[in-house]
């Protein structure tokens, strides 16, 4: 807290030997318009630039290894950020409340965006009077995530209300809950085919929805993004049809054979089903046998 109370400080030169900026070191330096971080800096502490409301741009050198929680929290005038190649992670709540942020340059070395990195607080829609509520990066319209990104944390882009498009590369492994909640302008999302093929409607709802109210028996969620809403509807319909297909197959399956072999999908049962469909079903006596078999099989199995 060596600079605590210096709230009129407009600029400062940091020595090249500096390696750590401590927790809340420049908190609420409302007149601080610019600061150059030395190339040797290794750690930014928790909320180290919180509330620096005159800070308009920031260059983050490649030497930074650790980001504290909320490094640039509520830097409401911050418009552009350049992250040097070499940085692998942006920490939790790093740019939360940076409502003027329009441009973010991210390097290919970046692998993870922490929870709430560009997002706002996740709170009930009917609780906006909460004084501690902090919005997301509400001026951010487009984000090109680098190919190295593997993890997008929960609420990462929550309440980025102007976000229109985002590109996510093939290396993505995890997208957290509500990462794209409250993004009503998001109409273009590039997600790799491999990721979309492995995702379920339930997971898609978790990463794209937000809570709008809690009833006596359940919590209601809404997907604000048009892109995610359309994808959710398509996936849900595909899953419904697949369940119906499996149920139909189950109802006309080889009941006794399934019980004997312990699996509906084992090779022996598949062979019997093919024989049923390709051979027995082709003759009237075979079809009569199938009907009789379906009628008595449940009793035999019991």
Protein backbone atom coordinates (compact mmCIF):
# COMPACT_ATOMS: atom_id res chain seq x y z
CA UNK A 1 0.00 0.00 0.00
CA UNK A 2 2.99 2.29 -0.57
CA UNK A 3 1.00 4.48 -2.99
CA UNK A 4 -2.30 4.35 -1.14
CA UNK A 5 -4.21 7.61 -1.33
CA UNK A 6 -2.30 9.02 -4.33
CA UNK A 7 -5.57 9.31 -6.22
CA UNK A 8 -4.49 12.28 -8.37
CA UNK A 9 -1.46 10.51 -9.85
CA UNK A 10 -1.70 10.79 -13.67
CA UNK A 11 1.35 8.78 -14.79
CA UNK A 12 4.13 6.70 -13.32
CA UNK A 13 7.38 5.15 -14.63
CA UNK A 14 8.04 1.67 -13.30
CA UNK A 15 11.64 0.36 -13.20
CA UNK A 16 12.68 -2.51 -15.47
CA UNK A 17 13.73 -4.55 -12.44
CA UNK A 18 10.17 -4.67 -11.10
CA UNK A 19 8.72 -8.20 -11.06
CA UNK A 20 5.56 -7.98 -8.94
CA UNK A 21 2.73 -5.46 -8.61
CA UNK A 22 1.01 -6.25 -5.35
CA UNK A 23 -2.67 -6.62 -4.49
CA UNK A 24 -4.68 -3.38 -4.95
CA UNK A 25 -1.45 -1.42 -5.54
CA UNK A 26 -3.11 1.18 -7.82
CA UNK A 27 -6.71 0.66 -6.70
CA UNK A 28 -8.98 3.66 -7.41
CA UNK A 29 -6.23 5.78 -8.96
CA UNK A 30 -8.94 7.59 -10.87
CA UNK A 31 -6.59 10.08 -12.57
CA UNK A 32 -4.05 7.51 -13.77
CA UNK A 33 -4.26 7.86 -17.57
CA UNK A 34 -1.31 5.72 -18.66
CA UNK A 35 1.18 3.22 -17.33
CA UNK A 36 3.87 1.15 -19.06
CA UNK A 37 4.49 -2.24 -17.53
CA UNK A 38 8.17 -3.27 -17.74
CA UNK A 39 9.09 -6.34 -19.77
CA UNK A 40 10.31 -8.16 -16.66
CA UNK A 41 7.02 -7.98 -14.75
CA UNK A 42 5.93 -11.48 -13.71
CA UNK A 43 2.88 -11.06 -11.49
CA UNK A 44 -0.11 -8.73 -11.26
CA UNK A 45 -1.81 -8.92 -7.87
CA UNK A 46 -5.51 -9.06 -7.06
CA UNK A 47 -7.41 -5.91 -8.17
CA UNK A 48 -4.10 -4.13 -8.73
CA UNK A 49 -5.64 -1.61 -11.15
CA UNK A 50 -9.22 -1.78 -9.93
CA UNK A 51 -11.17 1.43 -10.43
CA UNK A 52 -8.52 3.20 -12.57
CA UNK A 53 -11.31 4.91 -14.45
CA UNK A 54 -9.03 7.12 -16.62
CA UNK A 55 -6.89 4.27 -17.95
CA UNK A 56 -7.63 3.95 -21.69
CA UNK A 57 -5.18 1.38 -23.03
CA UNK A 58 -2.90 -1.33 -21.70
CA UNK A 59 -0.04 -3.41 -23.11
CA UNK A 60 0.58 -6.64 -21.20
CA UNK A 61 4.19 -7.91 -21.66
CA UNK A 62 4.96 -11.58 -22.34
CA UNK A 63 6.82 -11.95 -19.04
CA UNK A 64 3.58 -11.98 -17.00
CA UNK A 65 3.03 -15.45 -15.55
CA UNK A 66 0.32 -14.78 -12.97
CA UNK A 67 -2.81 -12.65 -13.10
CA UNK A 68 -4.50 -11.89 -9.82
CA UNK A 69 -8.26 -11.82 -9.55
CA UNK A 70 -9.89 -8.71 -11.06
CA UNK A 71 -6.67 -7.05 -12.26
CA UNK A 72 -8.50 -4.40 -14.30
CA UNK A 73 -11.84 -4.58 -12.55
CA UNK A 74 -14.10 -1.59 -13.28
CA UNK A 75 -11.58 0.25 -15.46
CA UNK A 76 -14.52 1.86 -17.20
CA UNK A 77 -12.49 3.95 -19.71
CA UNK A 78 -10.25 1.10 -20.86
CA UNK A 79 -10.80 0.83 -24.63
CA UNK A 80 -8.02 -1.41 -25.94
CA UNK A 81 -5.75 -4.13 -24.59
CA UNK A 82 -2.79 -5.81 -26.29
CA UNK A 83 -1.67 -9.12 -24.78
CA UNK A 84 1.87 -10.08 -25.81
CA UNK A 85 2.71 -13.52 -27.20
CA UNK A 86 3.85 -15.81 -24.40
CA UNK A 87 1.00 -15.24 -21.93
CA UNK A 88 -0.99 -18.44 -21.43
CA UNK A 89 -3.89 -17.37 -19.21
CA UNK A 90 -5.99 -14.32 -18.38
CA UNK A 91 -7.21 -14.55 -14.81
CA UNK A 92 -10.62 -14.57 -13.17
CA UNK A 93 -12.67 -11.34 -13.55
CA UNK A 94 -9.67 -9.79 -15.33
CA UNK A 95 -11.70 -7.21 -17.31
CA UNK A 96 -15.04 -7.37 -15.53
CA UNK A 97 -16.85 -4.05 -15.63
CA UNK A 98 -14.64 -2.62 -18.41
CA UNK A 99 -17.65 -1.15 -20.19
CA UNK A 100 -15.62 0.80 -22.80
CA UNK A 101 -13.44 -2.10 -23.96
CA UNK A 102 -13.81 -2.41 -27.74
CA UNK A 103 -10.57 -4.05 -28.91
CA UNK A 104 -8.63 -6.94 -27.41
CA UNK A 105 -5.58 -8.43 -29.15
CA UNK A 106 -4.96 -12.00 -27.94
CA UNK A 107 -1.82 -14.07 -28.76
CA UNK A 108 -1.66 -17.66 -30.01
CA UNK A 109 0.11 -18.64 -26.78
CA UNK A 110 -3.10 -17.97 -24.80
CA UNK A 111 -4.71 -21.21 -23.60
CA UNK A 112 -7.29 -20.20 -21.01
CA UNK A 113 -9.71 -17.38 -20.28
CA UNK A 114 -10.61 -17.36 -16.60
CA UNK A 115 -14.16 -17.25 -15.29
CA UNK A 116 -15.80 -13.86 -15.72
CA UNK A 117 -12.81 -12.63 -17.74
CA UNK A 118 -14.88 -10.25 -19.91
CA UNK A 119 -18.24 -10.90 -18.29
CA UNK A 120 -20.36 -9.27 -15.66
CA UNK A 121 -21.86 -10.58 -12.47
CA UNK A 122 -24.30 -13.45 -12.84
CA UNK A 123 -27.33 -12.42 -10.82
CA UNK A 124 -31.09 -12.87 -10.98
CA UNK A 125 -32.74 -10.72 -13.65
CA UNK A 126 -35.00 -9.14 -11.05
CA UNK A 127 -32.16 -8.06 -8.78
CA UNK A 128 -30.57 -5.24 -10.77
CA UNK A 129 -30.97 -2.92 -7.79
CA UNK A 130 -28.12 -4.84 -6.15
CA UNK A 131 -25.45 -2.18 -5.73
CA UNK A 132 -22.60 -4.65 -6.08
CA UNK A 133 -23.72 -5.65 -9.59
CA UNK A 134 -21.01 -5.14 -12.23
CA UNK A 135 -21.76 -5.33 -15.97
CA UNK A 136 -19.72 -7.11 -18.60
CA UNK A 137 -17.70 -5.59 -21.44
CA UNK A 138 -20.79 -4.01 -22.95
CA UNK A 139 -18.88 -2.29 -25.81
CA UNK A 140 -17.18 -5.43 -27.09
CA UNK A 141 -18.67 -6.43 -30.47
CA UNK A 142 -16.34 -9.05 -31.93
CA UNK A 143 -13.72 -11.43 -30.56
CA UNK A 144 -11.22 -13.53 -32.51
CA UNK A 145 -9.99 -16.13 -30.07
CA UNK A 146 -6.53 -17.52 -30.93
CA UNK A 147 -6.00 -21.13 -31.99
CA UNK A 148 -4.37 -21.99 -28.67
CA UNK A 149 -7.50 -21.41 -26.58
CA UNK A 150 -8.55 -24.61 -24.78
CA UNK A 151 -10.69 -23.36 -21.89
CA UNK A 152 -13.31 -20.61 -21.72
CA UNK A 153 -14.29 -20.13 -18.09
CA UNK A 154 -17.79 -19.78 -16.67
CA UNK A 155 -19.47 -16.39 -17.27
CA UNK A 156 -16.50 -15.43 -19.46
CA UNK A 157 -18.63 -13.27 -21.81
CA UNK A 158 -21.69 -13.00 -19.57
CA UNK A 159 -23.68 -9.81 -20.21
CA UNK A 160 -21.53 -8.70 -23.17
CA UNK A 161 -24.70 -7.26 -24.63
CA UNK A 162 -23.20 -5.92 -27.89
CA UNK A 163 -21.12 -9.00 -28.73
CA UNK A 164 -22.13 -9.98 -32.28
CA UNK A 165 -19.57 -12.58 -33.35
CA UNK A 166 -16.90 -14.84 -31.93
CA UNK A 167 -14.51 -17.37 -33.43
CA UNK A 168 -13.52 -20.43 -31.38
CA UNK A 169 -10.81 -22.73 -32.75
CA UNK A 170 -10.57 -26.52 -33.01
CA UNK A 171 -8.49 -26.81 -29.84
CA UNK A 172 -11.34 -25.86 -27.51
CA UNK A 173 -11.88 -28.46 -24.78
CA UNK A 174 -14.13 -26.78 -22.23
CA UNK A 175 -16.67 -23.96 -22.16
CA UNK A 176 -17.98 -23.09 -18.70
CA UNK A 177 -21.53 -22.51 -17.51
CA UNK A 178 -23.15 -19.24 -18.59
CA UNK A 179 -20.05 -18.34 -20.62
CA UNK A 180 -22.37 -16.74 -23.19
CA UNK A 181 -25.32 -15.87 -20.98
CA UNK A 182 -27.09 -12.56 -21.67
CA UNK A 183 -25.60 -12.03 -25.14
CA UNK A 184 -28.70 -10.93 -27.11
CA UNK A 185 -26.70 -9.61 -30.10
CA UNK A 186 -24.63 -12.78 -30.60
CA UNK A 187 -25.69 -14.06 -34.03
CA UNK A 188 -22.45 -15.52 -35.42
CA UNK A 189 -20.48 -18.18 -33.57
CA UNK A 190 -17.75 -20.32 -35.12
CA UNK A 191 -17.47 -23.55 -33.14
CA UNK A 192 -15.50 -26.52 -34.49
CA UNK A 193 -17.52 -29.41 -35.92
CA UNK A 194 -15.83 -31.85 -33.56
CA UNK A 195 -17.08 -29.87 -30.57
CA UNK A 196 -20.60 -29.52 -31.91
CA UNK A 197 -20.76 -33.26 -32.65
CA UNK A 198 -19.96 -34.08 -29.03
CA UNK A 199 -22.21 -31.53 -27.33
CA UNK A 200 -25.74 -32.15 -26.03
CA UNK A 201 -28.66 -29.73 -25.83
CA UNK A 202 -28.34 -29.80 -22.03
CA UNK A 203 -24.69 -28.70 -22.20
CA UNK A 204 -25.48 -26.05 -24.80
CA UNK A 205 -28.19 -24.66 -22.54
CA UNK A 206 -25.79 -24.54 -19.60
CA UNK A 207 -23.16 -22.49 -21.43
CA UNK A 208 -25.57 -20.08 -23.18
CA UNK A 209 -28.49 -19.50 -20.80
CA UNK A 210 -29.06 -17.21 -17.84
CA UNK A 211 -31.41 -17.33 -14.89
CA UNK A 212 -34.50 -15.15 -15.17
CA UNK A 213 -36.43 -16.17 -12.09
CA UNK A 214 -36.87 -18.86 -9.51
CA UNK A 215 -40.29 -20.34 -8.93
CA UNK A 216 -41.44 -22.42 -6.00
CA UNK A 217 -40.48 -25.69 -7.68
CA UNK A 218 -37.98 -24.82 -10.41
CA UNK A 219 -35.59 -22.24 -11.83
CA UNK A 220 -36.30 -20.75 -15.24
CA UNK A 221 -33.50 -20.20 -17.74
CA UNK A 222 -33.47 -18.30 -21.05
CA UNK A 223 -31.03 -18.36 -23.97
CA UNK A 224 -30.66 -14.77 -25.18
CA UNK A 225 -28.25 -15.38 -28.07
CA UNK A 226 -30.09 -16.05 -31.38
CA UNK A 227 -27.30 -18.38 -32.57
CA UNK A 228 -27.26 -20.52 -29.44
CA UNK A 229 -31.05 -20.51 -29.25
CA UNK A 230 -31.35 -21.88 -32.79
CA UNK A 231 -28.67 -24.50 -32.20
CA UNK A 232 -30.34 -25.56 -28.97
CA UNK A 233 -33.68 -26.03 -30.73
CA UNK A 234 -32.06 -28.10 -33.49
CA UNK A 235 -30.14 -30.29 -31.05
CA UNK A 236 -33.14 -30.81 -28.79
CA UNK A 237 -35.27 -31.94 -31.74
CA UNK A 238 -32.56 -34.32 -32.96
CA UNK A 239 -32.24 -35.85 -29.50
CA UNK A 240 -36.00 -36.23 -29.18
CA UNK A 241 -36.22 -38.08 -32.49
CA UNK A 242 -33.29 -40.30 -31.56
CA UNK A 243 -34.93 -41.24 -28.26
CA UNK A 244 -38.14 -42.09 -30.10
CA UNK A 245 -36.20 -44.21 -32.59
CA UNK A 246 -34.45 -46.11 -29.82
CA UNK A 247 -37.74 -46.64 -28.04
CA UNK A 248 -39.27 -48.06 -31.21
CA UNK A 249 -36.29 -50.33 -31.69
CA UNK A 250 -36.50 -51.44 -28.09
CA UNK A 251 -40.19 -52.24 -28.40
CA UNK A 252 -39.59 -54.48 -31.39
CA UNK A 253 -36.31 -55.93 -30.15
CA UNK A 254 -35.25 -59.53 -29.45
CA UNK A 255 -36.45 -59.58 -25.87
CA UNK A 256 -35.27 -63.08 -24.92
CA UNK A 257 -31.96 -62.70 -26.76
CA UNK A 258 -31.34 -59.32 -25.09
CA UNK A 259 -31.97 -60.84 -21.65
CA UNK A 260 -29.68 -63.79 -22.38
CA UNK A 261 -26.76 -61.76 -23.73
CA UNK A 262 -27.27 -58.82 -21.37
CA UNK A 263 -27.12 -56.12 -24.06
CA UNK A 264 -29.41 -54.81 -26.78
CA UNK A 265 -26.42 -53.75 -28.87
CA UNK A 266 -24.17 -56.83 -28.66
CA UNK A 267 -23.15 -58.56 -31.96
CA UNK A 268 -25.27 -61.68 -31.34
CA UNK A 269 -28.46 -59.67 -30.86
CA UNK A 270 -27.65 -57.54 -33.91
CA UNK A 271 -27.33 -60.77 -35.96
CA UNK A 272 -30.71 -62.02 -34.75
CA UNK A 273 -32.32 -58.66 -35.55
CA UNK A 274 -30.93 -58.71 -39.07
CA UNK A 275 -32.23 -62.24 -39.53
CA UNK A 276 -35.63 -61.11 -38.29
CA UNK A 277 -35.79 -58.08 -40.59
CA UNK A 278 -34.12 -59.54 -43.69
CA UNK A 279 -35.41 -63.11 -43.64
CA UNK A 280 -38.35 -63.79 -41.33
CA UNK A 281 -40.18 -60.55 -42.17
CA UNK A 282 -40.19 -61.48 -45.87
CA UNK A 283 -42.72 -64.35 -45.48
CA UNK A 284 -46.18 -64.57 -43.95
CA UNK A 285 -45.18 -67.41 -41.63
CA UNK A 286 -42.08 -65.50 -40.55
CA UNK A 287 -44.16 -62.40 -39.76
CA UNK A 288 -46.56 -64.58 -37.76
CA UNK A 289 -43.62 -65.94 -35.79
CA UNK A 290 -42.36 -62.39 -35.07
CA UNK A 291 -45.78 -61.34 -33.74
CA UNK A 292 -45.99 -64.43 -31.53
CA UNK A 293 -42.42 -63.90 -30.32
CA UNK A 294 -43.09 -60.25 -29.40
CA UNK A 295 -46.20 -61.29 -27.50
CA UNK A 296 -44.69 -64.05 -25.36
CA UNK A 297 -41.12 -62.71 -24.90
CA UNK A 298 -41.89 -60.30 -22.00
CA UNK A 299 -43.53 -63.14 -20.08
CA UNK A 300 -40.60 -65.50 -20.71
CA UNK A 301 -38.08 -62.81 -19.69
CA UNK A 302 -39.94 -62.13 -16.43
